[in-house]
Amino acid sequence: MDLIRKTLFESPLYLAPLLLVGEFILLRRWAARRTPKARRAALAGVVVAALLLVMQYVVVTERERLIRLCNELAAAAVDGDVAGIGKHVSDRFATQNLNRDEFMEWVRRGLTAVEVKSARLSGFEVSIENGQRAKVTFTASARVYGAAEGLGGSRPSRWELHFEKTGDRWLIVFLTPRRSAFFPFDSLGDLLHGVGG
């Protein structure tokens, strides 16, 4: 089901080759037979292909919305926009013994102490449960300046965010880093205290 959704609604790179192969077959059939029916089939193939590609730009899946939201959060971090991050954090947020207000204060202090540049997110894994809860895991790459020892420079980090849907909005209710060779933190508590390894 995920492959069908991704092919039809999310990825032109998945859909376009299928459409090209289908249209190539229809055009070869028309070239070989030169009948009005074969010509109509080839033209219909072009119309269907165009409609499917337009549909990919018009239809935004929940998975795409969550990925866009994560990219908005990264852009807000680069801009030092604490309020822009805060509008996506639920009042029900709780992680590593922090409530929403404590977490937002940590974000404010962090973005005051450091400068984040050119953040880029990749390697998204998205799972959605009953259309109301979601988990998004991704790799973040950014250049960080002015950070405490162990946090500055440029290195990838892996993050897991949990969302709940409130009305038509996805809000963060939990987040945690994921340990890697480049990022020695496996809890927000360790990151908050600069403890790694």
N, C-alpha and C. Protein backbone atom coordinates (compact mmCIF):
# COMPACT_ATOMS: atom_id res chain seq x y z
N MET A 1 0.82 -1.20 0.00
CA MET A 1 0.00 0.00 0.00
C MET A 1 0.87 1.26 0.00
N ASP A 2 1.99 1.23 0.78
CA ASP A 2 2.88 2.39 0.81
C ASP A 2 3.48 2.68 -0.56
N LEU A 3 3.84 1.61 -1.28
CA LEU A 3 4.43 1.80 -2.61
C LEU A 3 3.41 2.39 -3.58
N ILE A 4 2.17 1.96 -3.49
CA ILE A 4 1.12 2.51 -4.36
C ILE A 4 0.89 3.98 -4.05
N ARG A 5 0.79 4.31 -2.73
CA ARG A 5 0.60 5.71 -2.32
C ARG A 5 1.76 6.58 -2.80
N LYS A 6 2.97 6.08 -2.58
CA LYS A 6 4.15 6.86 -2.98
C LYS A 6 4.19 7.04 -4.49
N THR A 7 3.86 5.99 -5.23
CA THR A 7 3.89 6.07 -6.69
C THR A 7 2.82 7.02 -7.23
N LEU A 8 1.61 6.91 -6.73
CA LEU A 8 0.51 7.72 -7.27
C LEU A 8 0.50 9.16 -6.77
N PHE A 9 0.89 9.38 -5.51
CA PHE A 9 0.66 10.69 -4.92
C PHE A 9 1.90 11.47 -4.50
N GLU A 10 3.03 10.79 -4.32
CA GLU A 10 4.15 11.48 -3.68
C GLU A 10 5.41 11.62 -4.52
N SER A 11 5.70 10.69 -5.38
CA SER A 11 7.01 10.70 -6.03
C SER A 11 6.93 10.66 -7.55
N PRO A 12 7.21 11.79 -8.19
CA PRO A 12 7.29 11.78 -9.65
C PRO A 12 8.38 10.83 -10.16
N LEU A 13 9.41 10.61 -9.35
CA LEU A 13 10.49 9.71 -9.76
C LEU A 13 10.01 8.25 -9.83
N TYR A 14 8.98 7.90 -9.08
CA TYR A 14 8.41 6.56 -9.17
C TYR A 14 7.39 6.50 -10.31
N LEU A 15 6.58 7.56 -10.44
CA LEU A 15 5.48 7.54 -11.39
C LEU A 15 5.93 7.76 -12.83
N ALA A 16 6.83 8.71 -13.05
CA ALA A 16 7.22 9.08 -14.42
C ALA A 16 7.74 7.90 -15.24
N PRO A 17 8.62 7.04 -14.71
CA PRO A 17 9.08 5.90 -15.54
C PRO A 17 7.94 4.98 -15.95
N LEU A 18 7.00 4.75 -15.04
CA LEU A 18 5.85 3.90 -15.39
C LEU A 18 5.03 4.53 -16.51
N LEU A 19 4.81 5.84 -16.39
CA LEU A 19 4.04 6.53 -17.43
C LEU A 19 4.78 6.52 -18.76
N LEU A 20 6.09 6.71 -18.73
CA LEU A 20 6.87 6.70 -19.97
C LEU A 20 6.83 5.33 -20.65
N VAL A 21 6.96 4.28 -19.87
CA VAL A 21 6.90 2.93 -20.44
C VAL A 21 5.52 2.68 -21.04
N GLY A 22 4.47 3.05 -20.28
CA GLY A 22 3.10 2.86 -20.79
C GLY A 22 2.86 3.63 -22.08
N GLU A 23 3.31 4.88 -22.13
CA GLU A 23 3.11 5.69 -23.33
C GLU A 23 3.94 5.16 -24.50
N PHE A 24 5.15 4.68 -24.21
CA PHE A 24 5.99 4.10 -25.26
C PHE A 24 5.28 2.90 -25.90
N ILE A 25 4.68 2.06 -25.07
CA ILE A 25 3.95 0.89 -25.58
C ILE A 25 2.78 1.34 -26.45
N LEU A 26 2.02 2.33 -25.99
CA LEU A 26 0.87 2.83 -26.77
C LEU A 26 1.32 3.45 -28.09
N LEU A 27 2.42 4.20 -28.07
CA LEU A 27 2.92 4.82 -29.30
C LEU A 27 3.43 3.77 -30.29
N ARG A 28 4.10 2.75 -29.79
CA ARG A 28 4.57 1.67 -30.68
C ARG A 28 3.38 0.95 -31.31
N ARG A 29 2.36 0.73 -30.51
CA ARG A 29 1.15 0.08 -31.03
C ARG A 29 0.51 0.94 -32.12
N TRP A 30 0.44 2.24 -31.87
CA TRP A 30 -0.14 3.16 -32.87
C TRP A 30 0.72 3.18 -34.13
N ALA A 31 2.07 3.23 -33.96
CA ALA A 31 2.97 3.26 -35.13
C ALA A 31 2.84 1.98 -35.95
N ALA A 32 2.63 0.85 -35.28
CA ALA A 32 2.53 -0.42 -35.99
C ALA A 32 1.18 -0.59 -36.69
N ARG A 33 0.11 -0.08 -36.10
CA ARG A 33 -1.24 -0.32 -36.64
C ARG A 33 -1.81 0.87 -37.39
N ARG A 34 -1.49 2.06 -36.97
CA ARG A 34 -2.00 3.30 -37.60
C ARG A 34 -3.53 3.31 -37.70
N THR A 35 -4.19 2.83 -36.66
CA THR A 35 -5.65 2.84 -36.65
C THR A 35 -6.12 4.00 -35.76
N PRO A 36 -7.34 4.49 -36.00
CA PRO A 36 -7.87 5.56 -35.15
C PRO A 36 -7.96 5.14 -33.68
N LYS A 37 -8.28 3.88 -33.44
CA LYS A 37 -8.38 3.40 -32.07
C LYS A 37 -7.01 3.45 -31.37
N ALA A 38 -5.96 3.03 -32.06
CA ALA A 38 -4.61 3.07 -31.49
C ALA A 38 -4.16 4.51 -31.26
N ARG A 39 -4.54 5.42 -32.17
CA ARG A 39 -4.19 6.84 -32.01
C ARG A 39 -4.89 7.42 -30.78
N ARG A 40 -6.19 7.09 -30.61
CA ARG A 40 -6.94 7.58 -29.44
C ARG A 40 -6.33 7.04 -28.15
N ALA A 41 -5.89 5.79 -28.17
CA ALA A 41 -5.27 5.20 -26.98
C ALA A 41 -3.97 5.93 -26.63
N ALA A 42 -3.17 6.26 -27.65
CA ALA A 42 -1.91 6.98 -27.40
C ALA A 42 -2.19 8.38 -26.84
N LEU A 43 -3.18 9.07 -27.41
CA LEU A 43 -3.54 10.40 -26.90
C LEU A 43 -4.11 10.31 -25.48
N ALA A 44 -4.93 9.29 -25.23
CA ALA A 44 -5.47 9.11 -23.88
C ALA A 44 -4.35 8.85 -22.88
N GLY A 45 -3.33 8.12 -23.31
CA GLY A 45 -2.18 7.86 -22.44
C GLY A 45 -1.49 9.15 -22.03
N VAL A 46 -1.34 10.08 -22.98
CA VAL A 46 -0.71 11.38 -22.68
C VAL A 46 -1.57 12.16 -21.68
N VAL A 47 -2.89 12.16 -21.92
CA VAL A 47 -3.81 12.89 -21.02
C VAL A 47 -3.78 12.30 -19.62
N VAL A 48 -3.86 10.97 -19.52
CA VAL A 48 -3.83 10.31 -18.21
C VAL A 48 -2.51 10.59 -17.49
N ALA A 49 -1.41 10.54 -18.23
CA ALA A 49 -0.10 10.81 -17.62
C ALA A 49 -0.05 12.24 -17.07
N ALA A 50 -0.53 13.20 -17.86
CA ALA A 50 -0.53 14.59 -17.40
C ALA A 50 -1.41 14.76 -16.16
N LEU A 51 -2.57 14.13 -16.17
CA LEU A 51 -3.48 14.24 -15.01
C LEU A 51 -2.86 13.62 -13.76
N LEU A 52 -2.21 12.48 -13.91
CA LEU A 52 -1.58 11.84 -12.75
C LEU A 52 -0.44 12.68 -12.19
N LEU A 53 0.34 13.30 -13.07
CA LEU A 53 1.44 14.15 -12.60
C LEU A 53 0.91 15.41 -11.92
N VAL A 54 -0.16 15.99 -12.46
CA VAL A 54 -0.77 17.16 -11.81
C VAL A 54 -1.34 16.75 -10.46
N MET A 55 -1.95 15.57 -10.39
CA MET A 55 -2.52 15.09 -9.13
C MET A 55 -1.45 15.00 -8.04
N GLN A 56 -0.22 14.63 -8.41
CA GLN A 56 0.84 14.54 -7.42
C GLN A 56 1.13 15.89 -6.79
N TYR A 57 0.99 16.97 -7.56
CA TYR A 57 1.24 18.29 -7.01
C TYR A 57 0.05 18.84 -6.24
N VAL A 58 -1.15 18.38 -6.59
CA VAL A 58 -2.36 18.89 -5.94
C VAL A 58 -2.64 18.14 -4.63
N VAL A 59 -2.52 16.83 -4.65
CA VAL A 59 -2.82 16.01 -3.48
C VAL A 59 -1.60 16.00 -2.55
N VAL A 60 -1.83 16.40 -1.30
CA VAL A 60 -0.77 16.37 -0.29
C VAL A 60 -1.16 15.31 0.74
N THR A 61 -0.38 14.25 0.81
CA THR A 61 -0.67 13.17 1.75
C THR A 61 -0.25 13.58 3.16
N GLU A 62 -0.75 12.86 4.15
CA GLU A 62 -0.36 13.14 5.54
C GLU A 62 1.15 12.95 5.71
N ARG A 63 1.70 11.96 5.04
CA ARG A 63 3.15 11.75 5.10
C ARG A 63 3.90 12.98 4.59
N GLU A 64 3.45 13.53 3.48
CA GLU A 64 4.08 14.73 2.93
C GLU A 64 3.91 15.92 3.87
N ARG A 65 2.74 16.04 4.48
CA ARG A 65 2.51 17.14 5.43
C ARG A 65 3.48 17.06 6.60
N LEU A 66 3.70 15.85 7.12
CA LEU A 66 4.61 15.69 8.25
C LEU A 66 6.05 16.00 7.86
N ILE A 67 6.46 15.58 6.68
CA ILE A 67 7.82 15.89 6.22
C ILE A 67 7.98 17.39 6.02
N ARG A 68 6.98 18.05 5.44
CA ARG A 68 7.03 19.50 5.28
C ARG A 68 7.11 20.20 6.64
N LEU A 69 6.36 19.69 7.60
CA LEU A 69 6.37 20.27 8.93
C LEU A 69 7.75 20.16 9.56
N CYS A 70 8.39 19.01 9.42
CA CYS A 70 9.75 18.85 9.96
C CYS A 70 10.72 19.80 9.28
N ASN A 71 10.57 20.00 7.97
CA ASN A 71 11.42 20.96 7.27
C ASN A 71 11.14 22.39 7.71
N GLU A 72 9.87 22.71 8.03
CA GLU A 72 9.55 24.03 8.58
C GLU A 72 10.23 24.24 9.93
N LEU A 73 10.25 23.20 10.75
CA LEU A 73 10.91 23.29 12.04
C LEU A 73 12.41 23.53 11.87
N ALA A 74 13.02 22.86 10.91
CA ALA A 74 14.45 23.07 10.64
C ALA A 74 14.70 24.50 10.17
N ALA A 75 13.84 25.02 9.31
CA ALA A 75 13.98 26.40 8.84
C ALA A 75 13.82 27.38 9.99
N ALA A 76 12.89 27.10 10.90
CA ALA A 76 12.70 27.97 12.06
C ALA A 76 13.94 27.97 12.95
N ALA A 77 14.59 26.80 13.09
CA ALA A 77 15.82 26.73 13.88
C ALA A 77 16.92 27.57 13.25
N VAL A 78 17.04 27.52 11.92
CA VAL A 78 18.03 28.33 11.22
C VAL A 78 17.75 29.82 11.42
N ASP A 79 16.47 30.19 11.41
CA ASP A 79 16.08 31.60 11.58
C ASP A 79 16.10 32.03 13.05
N GLY A 80 16.32 31.10 13.97
CA GLY A 80 16.27 31.43 15.39
C GLY A 80 14.85 31.77 15.85
N ASP A 81 13.86 31.23 15.15
CA ASP A 81 12.45 31.56 15.38
C ASP A 81 11.84 30.60 16.40
N VAL A 82 11.97 30.96 17.67
CA VAL A 82 11.44 30.11 18.75
C VAL A 82 9.92 30.01 18.65
N ALA A 83 9.25 31.13 18.37
CA ALA A 83 7.78 31.11 18.25
C ALA A 83 7.35 30.21 17.09
N GLY A 84 8.11 30.22 16.00
CA GLY A 84 7.80 29.36 14.85
C GLY A 84 7.89 27.89 15.21
N ILE A 85 8.81 27.54 16.09
CA ILE A 85 8.91 26.15 16.56
C ILE A 85 7.77 25.88 17.54
N GLY A 86 7.53 26.82 18.44
CA GLY A 86 6.53 26.65 19.49
C GLY A 86 5.13 26.40 18.97
N LYS A 87 4.80 26.98 17.82
CA LYS A 87 3.43 26.79 17.31
C LYS A 87 3.17 25.36 16.85
N HIS A 88 4.23 24.55 16.76
CA HIS A 88 4.07 23.15 16.36
C HIS A 88 4.26 22.19 17.53
N VAL A 89 4.39 22.72 18.75
CA VAL A 89 4.58 21.89 19.94
C VAL A 89 3.29 21.87 20.74
N SER A 90 2.79 20.68 21.01
CA SER A 90 1.53 20.50 21.72
C SER A 90 1.63 20.91 23.18
N ASP A 91 0.51 21.35 23.74
CA ASP A 91 0.42 21.59 25.18
C ASP A 91 0.63 20.29 25.95
N ARG A 92 0.39 19.16 25.29
CA ARG A 92 0.55 17.85 25.90
C ARG A 92 1.98 17.32 25.77
N PHE A 93 2.88 18.14 25.24
CA PHE A 93 4.27 17.73 25.05
C PHE A 93 4.88 17.30 26.37
N ALA A 94 5.57 16.17 26.36
CA ALA A 94 6.30 15.69 27.53
C ALA A 94 7.41 14.76 27.05
N THR A 95 8.64 15.09 27.42
CA THR A 95 9.75 14.24 27.05
C THR A 95 10.90 14.46 28.03
N GLN A 96 11.56 13.40 28.41
CA GLN A 96 12.73 13.47 29.28
C GLN A 96 12.50 14.38 30.49
N ASN A 97 11.34 14.24 31.12
CA ASN A 97 10.96 15.01 32.31
C ASN A 97 10.79 16.50 32.03
N LEU A 98 10.58 16.87 30.77
CA LEU A 98 10.32 18.27 30.41
C LEU A 98 8.89 18.40 29.93
N ASN A 99 8.22 19.44 30.39
CA ASN A 99 6.91 19.75 29.82
C ASN A 99 7.11 20.75 28.68
N ARG A 100 6.05 21.21 28.08
CA ARG A 100 6.15 22.10 26.94
C ARG A 100 6.90 23.39 27.28
N ASP A 101 6.54 24.04 28.38
CA ASP A 101 7.18 25.31 28.74
C ASP A 101 8.67 25.15 28.99
N GLU A 102 9.04 24.08 29.68
CA GLU A 102 10.46 23.83 29.96
C GLU A 102 11.22 23.53 28.66
N PHE A 103 10.61 22.76 27.80
CA PHE A 103 11.24 22.46 26.52
C PHE A 103 11.42 23.72 25.68
N MET A 104 10.39 24.56 25.62
CA MET A 104 10.49 25.78 24.82
C MET A 104 11.53 26.73 25.40
N GLU A 105 11.68 26.75 26.71
CA GLU A 105 12.74 27.57 27.33
C GLU A 105 14.11 27.04 26.94
N TRP A 106 14.25 25.70 26.90
CA TRP A 106 15.51 25.11 26.47
C TRP A 106 15.80 25.46 25.00
N VAL A 107 14.77 25.41 24.16
CA VAL A 107 14.93 25.79 22.75
C VAL A 107 15.36 27.25 22.65
N ARG A 108 14.70 28.13 23.41
CA ARG A 108 15.03 29.56 23.38
C ARG A 108 16.49 29.79 23.79
N ARG A 109 16.90 29.16 24.90
CA ARG A 109 18.29 29.32 25.36
C ARG A 109 19.26 28.77 24.33
N GLY A 110 18.92 27.60 23.77
CA GLY A 110 19.80 26.98 22.78
C GLY A 110 19.97 27.83 21.54
N LEU A 111 18.87 28.37 21.02
CA LEU A 111 18.96 29.18 19.80
C LEU A 111 19.55 30.56 20.06
N THR A 112 19.61 30.97 21.33
CA THR A 112 20.29 32.21 21.69
C THR A 112 21.80 31.96 21.77
N ALA A 113 22.17 30.77 22.25
CA ALA A 113 23.58 30.44 22.46
C ALA A 113 24.30 30.00 21.19
N VAL A 114 23.56 29.47 20.23
CA VAL A 114 24.19 28.97 19.01
C VAL A 114 23.53 29.59 17.78
N GLU A 115 24.25 29.48 16.68
CA GLU A 115 23.70 29.87 15.39
C GLU A 115 23.67 28.62 14.51
N VAL A 116 22.49 28.29 14.03
CA VAL A 116 22.31 27.12 13.17
C VAL A 116 22.27 27.60 11.73
N LYS A 117 23.07 26.97 10.88
CA LYS A 117 23.09 27.37 9.47
C LYS A 117 22.84 26.16 8.58
N SER A 118 22.21 26.42 7.48
CA SER A 118 21.99 25.46 6.39
C SER A 118 21.54 24.08 6.88
N ALA A 119 20.50 24.03 7.66
CA ALA A 119 19.96 22.75 8.12
C ALA A 119 19.30 22.02 6.96
N ARG A 120 19.56 20.71 6.90
CA ARG A 120 18.96 19.88 5.86
C ARG A 120 18.53 18.57 6.48
N LEU A 121 17.30 18.15 6.18
CA LEU A 121 16.77 16.91 6.71
C LEU A 121 16.68 15.88 5.60
N SER A 122 16.95 14.62 5.94
CA SER A 122 16.90 13.55 4.93
C SER A 122 16.60 12.22 5.63
N GLY A 123 16.47 11.18 4.83
CA GLY A 123 16.27 9.84 5.37
C GLY A 123 15.01 9.70 6.20
N PHE A 124 13.93 10.28 5.73
CA PHE A 124 12.68 10.27 6.50
C PHE A 124 12.08 8.87 6.56
N GLU A 125 11.62 8.50 7.75
CA GLU A 125 10.79 7.32 7.96
C GLU A 125 9.55 7.82 8.67
N VAL A 126 8.39 7.59 8.07
CA VAL A 126 7.13 8.10 8.62
C VAL A 126 6.17 6.95 8.82
N SER A 127 5.62 6.84 10.03
CA SER A 127 4.55 5.87 10.27
C SER A 127 3.39 6.62 10.91
N ILE A 128 2.20 6.34 10.40
CA ILE A 128 0.98 7.01 10.87
C ILE A 128 0.04 5.95 11.40
N GLU A 129 -0.50 6.20 12.61
CA GLU A 129 -1.39 5.25 13.26
C GLU A 129 -2.78 5.85 13.37
N ASN A 130 -3.74 5.21 12.74
CA ASN A 130 -5.15 5.63 12.79
C ASN A 130 -5.38 7.07 12.35
N GLY A 131 -4.47 7.63 11.59
CA GLY A 131 -4.63 8.98 11.10
C GLY A 131 -4.54 10.04 12.18
N GLN A 132 -4.24 9.66 13.43
CA GLN A 132 -4.22 10.60 14.55
C GLN A 132 -2.88 10.69 15.26
N ARG A 133 -2.05 9.69 15.11
CA ARG A 133 -0.72 9.69 15.73
C ARG A 133 0.30 9.35 14.65
N ALA A 134 1.48 9.93 14.79
CA ALA A 134 2.52 9.67 13.80
C ALA A 134 3.89 9.70 14.46
N LYS A 135 4.80 8.95 13.88
CA LYS A 135 6.20 8.98 14.29
C LYS A 135 7.02 9.28 13.06
N VAL A 136 7.89 10.28 13.17
CA VAL A 136 8.75 10.67 12.06
C VAL A 136 10.20 10.61 12.55
N THR A 137 11.01 9.86 11.83
CA THR A 137 12.43 9.76 12.14
C THR A 137 13.19 10.29 10.93
N PHE A 138 14.23 11.08 11.19
CA PHE A 138 15.00 11.67 10.09
C PHE A 138 16.42 11.97 10.55
N THR A 139 17.28 12.23 9.58
CA THR A 139 18.64 12.67 9.84
C THR A 139 18.71 14.16 9.55
N ALA A 140 19.29 14.90 10.50
CA ALA A 140 19.46 16.34 10.34
C ALA A 140 20.94 16.64 10.17
N SER A 141 21.26 17.44 9.18
CA SER A 141 22.62 17.91 8.97
C SER A 141 22.60 19.43 9.00
N ALA A 142 23.46 20.01 9.83
CA ALA A 142 23.50 21.47 9.94
C ALA A 142 24.87 21.88 10.42
N ARG A 143 25.21 23.13 10.14
CA ARG A 143 26.41 23.72 10.71
C ARG A 143 25.97 24.52 11.93
N VAL A 144 26.61 24.26 13.07
CA VAL A 144 26.26 24.92 14.32
C VAL A 144 27.47 25.69 14.81
N TYR A 145 27.27 26.98 15.12
CA TYR A 145 28.36 27.85 15.58
C TYR A 145 28.05 28.37 16.97
N GLY A 146 29.10 28.47 17.80
CA GLY A 146 28.96 29.03 19.13
C GLY A 146 28.43 28.03 20.14
N ALA A 147 28.47 26.75 19.80
CA ALA A 147 27.91 25.74 20.70
C ALA A 147 28.92 25.36 21.78
N ALA A 148 28.39 24.80 22.85
CA ALA A 148 29.25 24.25 23.90
C ALA A 148 30.07 23.11 23.32
N GLU A 149 31.15 22.78 24.01
CA GLU A 149 32.02 21.71 23.54
C GLU A 149 31.22 20.43 23.29
N GLY A 150 31.45 19.81 22.17
CA GLY A 150 30.78 18.56 21.84
C GLY A 150 29.54 18.72 20.99
N LEU A 151 29.04 19.96 20.83
CA LEU A 151 27.82 20.14 20.05
C LEU A 151 28.04 20.96 18.78
N GLY A 152 29.13 21.68 18.69
CA GLY A 152 29.34 22.57 17.56
C GLY A 152 29.83 21.86 16.32
N GLY A 153 30.05 22.65 15.26
CA GLY A 153 30.57 22.11 14.02
C GLY A 153 29.47 21.62 13.10
N SER A 154 29.83 20.65 12.28
CA SER A 154 28.89 20.13 11.30
C SER A 154 28.93 18.61 11.36
N ARG A 155 27.83 18.04 11.79
CA ARG A 155 27.73 16.58 11.82
C ARG A 155 26.26 16.18 11.80
N PRO A 156 25.98 15.02 11.25
CA PRO A 156 24.57 14.58 11.19
C PRO A 156 24.08 14.07 12.53
N SER A 157 22.82 14.26 12.78
CA SER A 157 22.17 13.71 13.97
C SER A 157 20.86 13.07 13.53
N ARG A 158 20.45 12.06 14.26
CA ARG A 158 19.21 11.34 13.94
C ARG A 158 18.18 11.68 15.01
N TRP A 159 16.94 11.97 14.59
CA TRP A 159 15.89 12.40 15.52
C TRP A 159 14.61 11.62 15.30
N GLU A 160 13.87 11.44 16.38
CA GLU A 160 12.56 10.81 16.33
C GLU A 160 11.55 11.76 16.96
N LEU A 161 10.53 12.13 16.20
CA LEU A 161 9.48 13.01 16.69
C LEU A 161 8.15 12.27 16.65
N HIS A 162 7.37 12.43 17.71
CA HIS A 162 6.02 11.86 17.76
C HIS A 162 5.02 13.00 17.68
N PHE A 163 4.01 12.81 16.86
CA PHE A 163 2.99 13.83 16.63
C PHE A 163 1.61 13.29 16.99
N GLU A 164 0.73 14.21 17.38
CA GLU A 164 -0.69 13.92 17.50
C GLU A 164 -1.43 14.94 16.64
N LYS A 165 -2.51 14.49 16.03
CA LYS A 165 -3.30 15.38 15.20
C LYS A 165 -4.34 16.07 16.06
N THR A 166 -4.37 17.38 16.02
CA THR A 166 -5.35 18.19 16.73
C THR A 166 -6.08 19.00 15.68
N GLY A 167 -7.36 18.68 15.45
CA GLY A 167 -8.08 19.30 14.35
C GLY A 167 -7.43 18.86 13.05
N ASP A 168 -6.94 19.82 12.27
CA ASP A 168 -6.24 19.46 11.03
C ASP A 168 -4.74 19.71 11.13
N ARG A 169 -4.25 19.93 12.36
CA ARG A 169 -2.82 20.22 12.57
C ARG A 169 -2.12 19.07 13.27
N TRP A 170 -0.89 18.82 12.87
CA TRP A 170 -0.03 17.87 13.56
C TRP A 170 0.82 18.64 14.56
N LEU A 171 0.84 18.19 15.82
CA LEU A 171 1.62 18.85 16.87
C LEU A 171 2.56 17.84 17.52
N ILE A 172 3.75 18.29 17.88
CA ILE A 172 4.76 17.43 18.50
C ILE A 172 4.37 17.16 19.95
N VAL A 173 4.37 15.89 20.34
CA VAL A 173 4.11 15.53 21.73
C VAL A 173 5.33 14.89 22.40
N PHE A 174 6.32 14.51 21.60
CA PHE A 174 7.52 13.86 22.14
C PHE A 174 8.62 13.94 21.10
N LEU A 175 9.86 14.12 21.56
CA LEU A 175 10.99 13.99 20.65
C LEU A 175 12.19 13.48 21.40
N THR A 176 13.07 12.83 20.66
CA THR A 176 14.29 12.32 21.26
C THR A 176 15.35 12.16 20.17
N PRO A 177 16.62 12.38 20.52
CA PRO A 177 17.69 12.10 19.56
C PRO A 177 17.96 10.59 19.52
N ARG A 178 18.60 10.15 18.46
CA ARG A 178 19.00 8.76 18.32
C ARG A 178 20.52 8.71 18.21
N ARG A 179 21.13 7.88 19.03
CA ARG A 179 22.60 7.78 19.07
C ARG A 179 23.15 7.29 17.73
N SER A 180 24.27 7.88 17.34
CA SER A 180 25.00 7.42 16.15
C SER A 180 26.48 7.64 16.40
N ALA A 181 27.30 7.21 15.47
CA ALA A 181 28.74 7.39 15.60
C ALA A 181 29.10 8.88 15.63
N PHE A 182 28.28 9.71 14.98
CA PHE A 182 28.58 11.14 14.89
C PHE A 182 27.88 11.97 15.96
N PHE A 183 26.89 11.37 16.62
CA PHE A 183 26.06 12.13 17.55
C PHE A 183 25.81 11.24 18.77
N PRO A 184 26.60 11.41 19.84
CA PRO A 184 26.60 10.43 20.94
C PRO A 184 25.51 10.65 21.99
N PHE A 185 24.31 11.01 21.56
CA PHE A 185 23.23 11.26 22.49
C PHE A 185 22.05 10.35 22.14
N ASP A 186 21.50 9.69 23.15
CA ASP A 186 20.33 8.86 22.89
C ASP A 186 19.15 9.26 23.76
N SER A 187 19.25 10.43 24.38
CA SER A 187 18.11 10.97 25.11
C SER A 187 18.25 12.49 25.12
N LEU A 188 17.13 13.15 25.21
CA LEU A 188 17.14 14.61 25.27
C LEU A 188 17.81 15.06 26.56
N GLY A 189 17.66 14.27 27.62
CA GLY A 189 18.31 14.60 28.89
C GLY A 189 19.83 14.67 28.74
N ASP A 190 20.43 13.69 28.04
CA ASP A 190 21.87 13.71 27.81
C ASP A 190 22.27 14.93 26.99
N LEU A 191 21.47 15.24 25.96
CA LEU A 191 21.77 16.39 25.11
C LEU A 191 21.67 17.68 25.92
N LEU A 192 20.67 17.77 26.77
CA LEU A 192 20.46 18.97 27.59
C LEU A 192 21.66 19.22 28.50
N HIS A 193 22.29 18.12 28.97
CA HIS A 193 23.40 18.26 29.88
C HIS A 193 24.76 18.11 29.20
N GLY A 194 24.74 17.95 27.87
CA GLY A 194 25.99 17.83 27.11
C GLY A 194 26.75 16.56 27.41
N VAL A 195 26.03 15.51 27.80
CA VAL A 195 26.68 14.24 28.14
C VAL A 195 26.55 13.31 26.95
N GLY A 196 27.63 12.76 26.49
CA GLY A 196 27.58 11.81 25.38
C GLY A 196 28.69 10.81 25.52
N GLY A 197 28.58 9.77 24.70
CA GLY A 197 29.65 8.78 24.67
C GLY A 197 29.29 7.53 25.41
